[in-house]
């Protein structure tokens, strides 16, 4: 076993009874602990203890949200618009797009206009948005009248710099940032229809997009940016891809590699994992472990895609290993009131 080193324990900024689980965002060496409730998006700087609170323009069931690396602005990707706000809640810019809910081209301007529309807006699909590594761009997955599009926006004023039709039919999506601001990954969940993983490159004039696979979820990017880690929708295997071109280089099945449970049951990888060095990954089987014992995390060598062994912790952990940047990964407590940052034992 490899003993994980506890780097820090950070109290979550919001009450978990009325908020989503906290997550760690990392950009250019800086971390923020971000948490969303219906009323606000809170961003905690662990180094200073300061919390920036962004009033939410709509409840959390109506889209996704993210924060810039400096904690100064937040972007809410909603049912009808991508909106950038400051800490006062003032709109800095807004990009309107076709409605994610239903088949009709709604033209609502504010959430209050459809807040009580359970028939068509009760459970909307959604896109997502993410800041580039340098914070100068916002990548946004939006719905157009006839298709879905991936946009590159100027983070300062919301101008559309690049646009590509991607042919997806999303129920939801999320972005996977790359250390190069001109690159970004996008995983699109299509329900029973599939899960295309896309890779985008912005050269300053044109957004070029290639599909990595139709049944793949991106998990993390290596520190150098050369490699991508992914899993299939059944979570049977982990795949190492080249960021340049998306070719699959190596894979590692869960069955036959990860020790099974005494009582039987399928072993499969989690939908999240973390690079901690260029050739080392921490990946979990926590979802499959549920009901059989504590969550298990594993140290993998990506040079040969082999299992080095199990990761041991000073106390039981909950859920998957999630990337925290700078050679670290994180978990949160079972009650979601705190975040634990972990590192390898020989890390500085």
Protein backbone atom coordinates (compact mmCIF):
# COMPACT_ATOMS: atom_id res chain seq x y z
CA UNK A 1 0.00 0.00 0.00
CA UNK A 2 0.95 3.63 -0.51
CA UNK A 3 0.11 5.91 2.43
CA UNK A 4 -1.56 9.17 1.41
CA UNK A 5 -0.22 12.31 3.06
CA UNK A 6 -2.86 14.74 4.38
CA UNK A 7 -1.91 18.17 3.03
CA UNK A 8 -4.85 20.19 4.35
CA UNK A 9 -8.40 19.98 5.65
CA UNK A 10 -10.60 22.87 4.56
CA UNK A 11 -14.07 23.69 5.89
CA UNK A 12 -16.67 23.96 3.12
CA UNK A 13 -18.04 27.50 2.70
CA UNK A 14 -21.76 26.57 2.63
CA UNK A 15 -24.15 24.47 4.69
CA UNK A 16 -24.26 21.03 3.01
CA UNK A 17 -27.96 20.68 3.89
CA UNK A 18 -28.80 23.29 1.27
CA UNK A 19 -25.85 23.11 -1.14
CA UNK A 20 -24.06 20.80 -3.54
CA UNK A 21 -20.89 19.05 -2.42
CA UNK A 22 -17.83 21.31 -2.44
CA UNK A 23 -15.34 21.03 -5.29
CA UNK A 24 -11.78 22.22 -5.78
CA UNK A 25 -10.89 24.32 -8.81
CA UNK A 26 -7.22 24.84 -9.61
CA UNK A 27 -5.75 27.29 -12.10
CA UNK A 28 -2.11 28.34 -12.48
CA UNK A 29 -1.12 27.03 -9.08
CA UNK A 30 -4.05 28.58 -7.20
CA UNK A 31 -6.90 26.64 -5.58
CA UNK A 32 -10.46 27.66 -4.79
CA UNK A 33 -13.02 25.59 -2.91
CA UNK A 34 -16.28 26.25 -4.72
CA UNK A 35 -19.78 25.34 -3.57
CA UNK A 36 -23.22 26.08 -5.02
CA UNK A 37 -26.57 26.55 -3.35
CA UNK A 38 -29.80 27.78 -4.92
CA UNK A 39 -29.09 31.32 -3.72
CA UNK A 40 -25.35 31.71 -4.27
CA UNK A 41 -22.05 30.38 -5.52
CA UNK A 42 -19.31 30.62 -2.88
CA UNK A 43 -15.58 30.56 -3.65
CA UNK A 44 -13.18 30.08 -0.73
CA UNK A 45 -9.47 30.87 -1.04
CA UNK A 46 -7.78 28.34 1.29
CA UNK A 47 -4.62 30.46 1.50
CA UNK A 48 -6.34 33.57 2.84
CA UNK A 49 -9.57 32.16 4.22
CA UNK A 50 -11.50 34.78 2.25
CA UNK A 51 -14.83 33.84 0.69
CA UNK A 52 -16.37 35.54 -2.34
CA UNK A 53 -20.12 35.01 -2.65
CA UNK A 54 -21.82 35.43 -6.01
CA UNK A 55 -25.63 35.81 -5.90
CA UNK A 56 -27.08 33.18 -8.25
CA UNK A 57 -29.37 34.41 -11.06
CA UNK A 58 -31.31 31.13 -10.97
CA UNK A 59 -31.42 27.99 -8.74
CA UNK A 60 -28.82 25.25 -9.16
CA UNK A 61 -31.26 22.90 -10.93
CA UNK A 62 -31.27 25.24 -13.92
CA UNK A 63 -27.71 24.95 -15.18
CA UNK A 64 -24.10 24.90 -14.03
CA UNK A 65 -21.62 27.47 -12.76
CA UNK A 66 -17.90 28.13 -12.44
CA UNK A 67 -15.51 30.74 -11.07
CA UNK A 68 -12.51 32.49 -12.60
CA UNK A 69 -9.10 31.47 -11.29
CA UNK A 70 -8.65 34.79 -9.46
CA UNK A 71 -12.06 34.45 -7.81
CA UNK A 72 -13.21 37.76 -9.24
CA UNK A 73 -16.04 36.66 -11.52
CA UNK A 74 -18.45 33.76 -11.89
CA UNK A 75 -20.10 32.37 -15.00
CA UNK A 76 -23.53 30.74 -14.80
CA UNK A 77 -24.48 28.52 -17.75
CA UNK A 78 -28.26 28.51 -17.61
CA UNK A 79 -31.30 27.38 -19.55
CA UNK A 80 -31.40 30.45 -21.78
CA UNK A 81 -28.09 32.25 -21.32
CA UNK A 82 -24.48 32.19 -20.25
CA UNK A 83 -24.12 35.04 -17.74
CA UNK A 84 -20.96 36.46 -16.18
CA UNK A 85 -21.40 38.30 -12.88
CA UNK A 86 -19.25 39.99 -10.25
CA UNK A 87 -19.49 39.48 -6.49
CA UNK A 88 -22.37 41.97 -6.24
CA UNK A 89 -24.39 39.89 -8.68
CA UNK A 90 -24.18 42.59 -11.36
CA UNK A 91 -24.17 41.23 -14.89
CA UNK A 92 -20.86 41.95 -16.63
CA UNK A 93 -21.97 40.30 -19.86
CA UNK A 94 -24.54 37.83 -21.07
CA UNK A 95 -24.77 35.56 -24.11
CA UNK A 96 -28.31 34.51 -25.01
CA UNK A 97 -28.88 31.09 -26.61
CA UNK A 98 -31.71 28.71 -27.51
CA UNK A 99 -33.60 27.06 -24.68
CA UNK A 100 -32.25 23.85 -23.16
CA UNK A 101 -35.76 22.84 -22.03
CA UNK A 102 -38.21 21.24 -24.45
CA UNK A 103 -38.46 21.58 -28.18
CA UNK A 104 -39.85 25.09 -28.46
CA UNK A 105 -37.71 28.22 -29.06
CA UNK A 106 -38.55 30.01 -25.81
CA UNK A 107 -37.38 33.60 -25.53
CA UNK A 108 -37.46 34.13 -21.77
CA UNK A 109 -35.25 36.96 -20.53
CA UNK A 110 -35.32 36.27 -16.79
CA UNK A 111 -35.72 33.19 -14.59
CA UNK A 112 -38.98 34.51 -13.10
CA UNK A 113 -40.67 34.07 -16.48
CA UNK A 114 -40.29 30.26 -16.40
CA UNK A 115 -39.68 29.52 -12.73
CA UNK A 116 -43.10 27.88 -12.29
CA UNK A 117 -43.24 26.18 -15.69
CA UNK A 118 -42.94 22.56 -14.53
CA UNK A 119 -44.25 21.15 -17.81
CA UNK A 120 -41.39 22.33 -20.06
CA UNK A 121 -38.79 23.79 -17.68
CA UNK A 122 -39.17 21.47 -14.70
CA UNK A 123 -36.17 19.28 -15.51
CA UNK A 124 -34.13 21.02 -18.21
CA UNK A 125 -31.09 19.71 -20.01
CA UNK A 126 -28.00 21.87 -19.65
CA UNK A 127 -24.68 22.88 -21.09
CA UNK A 128 -21.64 24.10 -19.18
CA UNK A 129 -18.84 26.64 -19.18
CA UNK A 130 -15.23 26.83 -18.02
CA UNK A 131 -12.47 29.42 -17.82
CA UNK A 132 -9.24 28.79 -19.67
CA UNK A 133 -6.07 28.25 -17.66
CA UNK A 134 -5.09 31.93 -17.94
CA UNK A 135 -8.63 33.19 -17.29
CA UNK A 136 -8.81 35.15 -20.54
CA UNK A 137 -11.25 32.84 -22.31
CA UNK A 138 -14.55 31.20 -21.42
CA UNK A 139 -15.39 27.99 -23.21
CA UNK A 140 -19.16 27.41 -23.33
CA UNK A 141 -21.35 24.55 -24.55
CA UNK A 142 -24.69 26.04 -25.60
CA UNK A 143 -27.81 25.12 -27.53
CA UNK A 144 -28.56 26.78 -30.86
CA UNK A 145 -31.89 26.62 -32.68
CA UNK A 146 -30.86 23.70 -34.89
CA UNK A 147 -27.86 22.18 -33.11
CA UNK A 148 -25.50 22.45 -30.18
CA UNK A 149 -22.41 24.59 -30.33
CA UNK A 150 -19.11 24.94 -28.53
CA UNK A 151 -18.03 28.56 -28.18
CA UNK A 152 -14.86 30.38 -27.22
CA UNK A 153 -15.70 33.71 -25.57
CA UNK A 154 -13.66 36.68 -24.45
CA UNK A 155 -13.87 36.46 -20.65
CA UNK A 156 -13.74 40.26 -20.34
CA UNK A 157 -16.80 41.13 -22.43
CA UNK A 158 -18.41 37.89 -23.63
CA UNK A 159 -17.63 38.43 -27.33
CA UNK A 160 -17.82 35.22 -29.36
CA UNK A 161 -14.33 34.59 -30.71
CA UNK A 162 -14.83 31.07 -32.04
CA UNK A 163 -17.76 28.81 -32.74
CA UNK A 164 -18.18 25.18 -33.79
CA UNK A 165 -21.28 23.02 -34.29
CA UNK A 166 -20.69 19.74 -32.48
CA UNK A 167 -23.73 17.62 -33.38
CA UNK A 168 -24.47 16.46 -29.83
CA UNK A 169 -27.82 15.99 -28.09
CA UNK A 170 -26.95 16.75 -24.50
CA UNK A 171 -28.70 16.12 -21.25
CA UNK A 172 -25.66 17.66 -19.55
CA UNK A 173 -21.96 18.34 -20.03
CA UNK A 174 -18.77 19.35 -18.28
CA UNK A 175 -15.41 20.77 -19.32
CA UNK A 176 -11.93 19.40 -18.65
CA UNK A 177 -9.39 22.27 -18.60
CA UNK A 178 -5.94 22.00 -20.12
CA UNK A 179 -2.80 23.89 -18.97
CA UNK A 180 -2.70 25.47 -22.44
CA UNK A 181 -5.46 28.15 -22.51
CA UNK A 182 -6.03 27.38 -26.20
CA UNK A 183 -7.13 23.80 -25.47
CA UNK A 184 -10.11 22.33 -23.65
CA UNK A 185 -11.97 19.04 -23.29
CA UNK A 186 -15.73 18.58 -23.28
CA UNK A 187 -17.68 15.50 -22.13
CA UNK A 188 -21.32 15.44 -23.21
CA UNK A 189 -23.85 13.14 -21.59
CA UNK A 190 -26.64 12.14 -23.96
CA UNK A 191 -28.58 9.82 -21.67
CA UNK A 192 -29.06 6.48 -23.40
CA UNK A 193 -27.82 7.91 -26.70
CA UNK A 194 -24.12 8.03 -25.83
CA UNK A 195 -21.37 10.11 -24.27
CA UNK A 196 -19.16 11.84 -26.84
CA UNK A 197 -15.86 13.28 -25.61
CA UNK A 198 -14.55 16.20 -27.64
CA UNK A 199 -11.28 18.10 -27.75
CA UNK A 200 -11.06 21.73 -28.83
CA UNK A 201 -8.17 23.91 -29.99
CA UNK A 202 -8.39 27.66 -30.49
CA UNK A 203 -5.66 29.17 -32.68
CA UNK A 204 -6.82 32.76 -32.28
CA UNK A 205 -8.93 32.64 -35.43
CA UNK A 206 -10.68 29.27 -35.61
CA UNK A 207 -12.00 26.71 -33.14
CA UNK A 208 -11.07 23.21 -34.32
CA UNK A 209 -12.87 20.29 -32.64
CA UNK A 210 -12.19 16.58 -32.91
CA UNK A 211 -14.08 13.73 -31.30
CA UNK A 212 -12.08 11.42 -29.07
CA UNK A 213 -14.80 8.78 -28.79
CA UNK A 214 -18.58 8.35 -28.74
CA UNK A 215 -18.72 6.44 -25.43
CA UNK A 216 -16.12 8.18 -23.28
CA UNK A 217 -15.91 10.49 -20.27
CA UNK A 218 -12.80 12.63 -19.80
CA UNK A 219 -11.37 12.48 -16.27
CA UNK A 220 -8.19 14.56 -16.14
CA UNK A 221 -5.23 15.98 -18.08
CA UNK A 222 -1.60 15.19 -17.21
CA UNK A 223 0.54 18.05 -15.82
CA UNK A 224 2.37 18.49 -19.12
CA UNK A 225 -0.88 18.50 -21.05
CA UNK A 226 0.32 15.68 -23.32
CA UNK A 227 -2.01 12.98 -22.03
CA UNK A 228 -5.70 12.63 -21.25
CA UNK A 229 -7.28 10.12 -18.88
CA UNK A 230 -10.74 8.81 -19.65
CA UNK A 231 -13.16 5.99 -18.92
CA UNK A 232 -15.97 4.40 -20.91
CA UNK A 233 -19.60 4.92 -19.95
CA UNK A 234 -19.75 1.44 -18.39
CA UNK A 235 -16.62 2.35 -16.36
CA UNK A 236 -14.99 -0.96 -17.29
CA UNK A 237 -11.57 0.48 -18.14
CA UNK A 238 -9.37 3.52 -17.86
CA UNK A 239 -7.87 4.87 -21.10
CA UNK A 240 -4.79 6.97 -21.69
CA UNK A 241 -5.12 9.19 -24.77
CA UNK A 242 -2.72 11.52 -26.51
CA UNK A 243 -4.00 15.08 -26.29
CA UNK A 244 -2.57 15.69 -29.77
CA UNK A 245 -4.97 13.85 -32.07
CA UNK A 246 -6.77 11.93 -29.30
CA UNK A 247 -5.30 8.49 -30.08
CA UNK A 248 -5.82 5.88 -27.38
CA UNK A 249 -2.40 4.75 -26.14
CA UNK A 250 -3.05 2.28 -23.32
CA UNK A 251 -5.91 0.98 -21.19
CA UNK A 252 -6.48 -0.80 -17.88
CA UNK A 253 -9.51 -2.95 -17.11
CA UNK A 254 -10.93 -2.92 -13.60
CA UNK A 255 -11.99 -6.58 -13.68
CA UNK A 256 -8.99 -8.82 -13.32
CA UNK A 257 -6.79 -5.94 -12.15
CA UNK A 258 -8.47 -4.55 -9.03
CA UNK A 259 -9.04 -7.11 -6.25
CA UNK A 260 -12.68 -8.13 -6.03
CA UNK A 261 -14.94 -8.00 -3.01
CA UNK A 262 -15.29 -11.00 -0.66
CA UNK A 263 -19.01 -11.10 -1.35
CA UNK A 264 -18.63 -10.74 -5.09
CA UNK A 265 -20.06 -7.90 -7.16
CA UNK A 266 -18.78 -6.00 -10.16
CA UNK A 267 -15.63 -3.91 -9.77
CA UNK A 268 -15.53 -0.77 -11.91
CA UNK A 269 -13.73 2.58 -12.05
CA UNK A 270 -15.14 5.83 -10.72
CA UNK A 271 -16.15 8.69 -13.03
CA UNK A 272 -13.40 10.87 -11.54
CA UNK A 273 -9.65 10.40 -11.12
CA UNK A 274 -6.53 12.53 -10.73
CA UNK A 275 -3.07 12.79 -12.26
CA UNK A 276 -0.58 13.44 -9.45
CA UNK A 277 2.54 13.27 -11.63
CA UNK A 278 3.02 12.92 -15.38
CA UNK A 279 2.93 9.13 -15.13
CA UNK A 280 1.02 8.55 -11.88
CA UNK A 281 -2.74 8.56 -11.37
CA UNK A 282 -4.95 8.05 -8.32
CA UNK A 283 -8.19 6.37 -9.40
CA UNK A 284 -10.96 4.92 -7.30
CA UNK A 285 -13.53 2.14 -7.36
CA UNK A 286 -15.66 3.76 -4.65
CA UNK A 287 -19.02 3.46 -6.41
CA UNK A 288 -18.57 -0.29 -6.86
CA UNK A 289 -17.16 -0.61 -3.35
CA UNK A 290 -20.34 0.79 -1.77
CA UNK A 291 -22.07 -1.87 0.27
CA UNK A 292 -18.91 -3.98 0.46
CA UNK A 293 -16.75 -1.77 2.66
CA UNK A 294 -14.82 1.52 2.58
CA UNK A 295 -14.11 3.33 -0.67
CA UNK A 296 -10.89 2.15 -2.28
CA UNK A 297 -8.41 4.24 -4.25
CA UNK A 298 -5.54 2.90 -6.35
CA UNK A 299 -2.18 4.19 -7.54
CA UNK A 300 -1.62 3.59 -11.26
CA UNK A 301 1.47 3.85 -13.45
CA UNK A 302 0.41 5.20 -16.84
CA UNK A 303 3.70 4.39 -18.59
CA UNK A 304 2.59 0.76 -18.73
CA UNK A 305 -0.97 1.29 -17.45
CA UNK A 306 -0.37 -0.95 -14.44
CA UNK A 307 -1.66 -1.04 -10.89
CA UNK A 308 0.96 -0.10 -8.30
CA UNK A 309 -1.26 -0.84 -5.33
CA UNK A 310 -3.93 0.52 -3.04
CA UNK A 311 -3.78 3.94 -1.41
CA UNK A 312 -4.17 3.92 2.38
CA UNK A 313 -5.59 6.83 4.36
CA UNK A 314 -5.44 7.76 8.05
CA UNK A 315 -9.24 7.61 8.08
CA UNK A 316 -11.88 6.24 5.69
CA UNK A 317 -12.62 8.45 2.68
CA UNK A 318 -15.82 9.03 0.77
CA UNK A 319 -16.29 8.86 -2.98
CA UNK A 320 -13.74 9.10 -5.80
CA UNK A 321 -10.35 10.78 -5.96
CA UNK A 322 -10.70 14.18 -7.61
CA UNK A 323 -7.93 16.32 -9.06
CA UNK A 324 -6.67 19.22 -6.92
CA UNK A 325 -3.65 20.22 -9.02
CA UNK A 326 -0.02 20.63 -7.97
CA UNK A 327 0.41 16.88 -7.50
CA UNK A 328 -2.56 16.58 -5.14
CA UNK A 329 -6.02 15.10 -5.13
CA UNK A 330 -9.01 15.67 -2.89
CA UNK A 331 -11.92 13.96 -1.21
CA UNK A 332 -14.66 15.47 0.92
CA UNK A 333 -16.01 14.26 4.23
CA UNK A 334 -19.07 12.05 4.31
CA UNK A 335 -21.19 14.92 5.65
CA UNK A 336 -19.69 17.25 2.97
CA UNK A 337 -18.65 19.84 5.56
CA UNK A 338 -14.95 19.67 4.73
CA UNK A 339 -12.50 18.97 1.93
CA UNK A 340 -9.35 16.89 2.42
CA UNK A 341 -6.35 17.59 0.16
CA UNK A 342 -3.98 14.62 -0.25
CA UNK A 343 -0.51 14.06 -1.66
CA UNK A 344 1.99 11.26 -2.11
CA UNK A 345 4.21 10.54 0.91
CA UNK A 346 7.44 11.71 -0.74
CA UNK A 347 5.92 14.89 -2.17
CA UNK A 348 7.21 18.21 -0.93
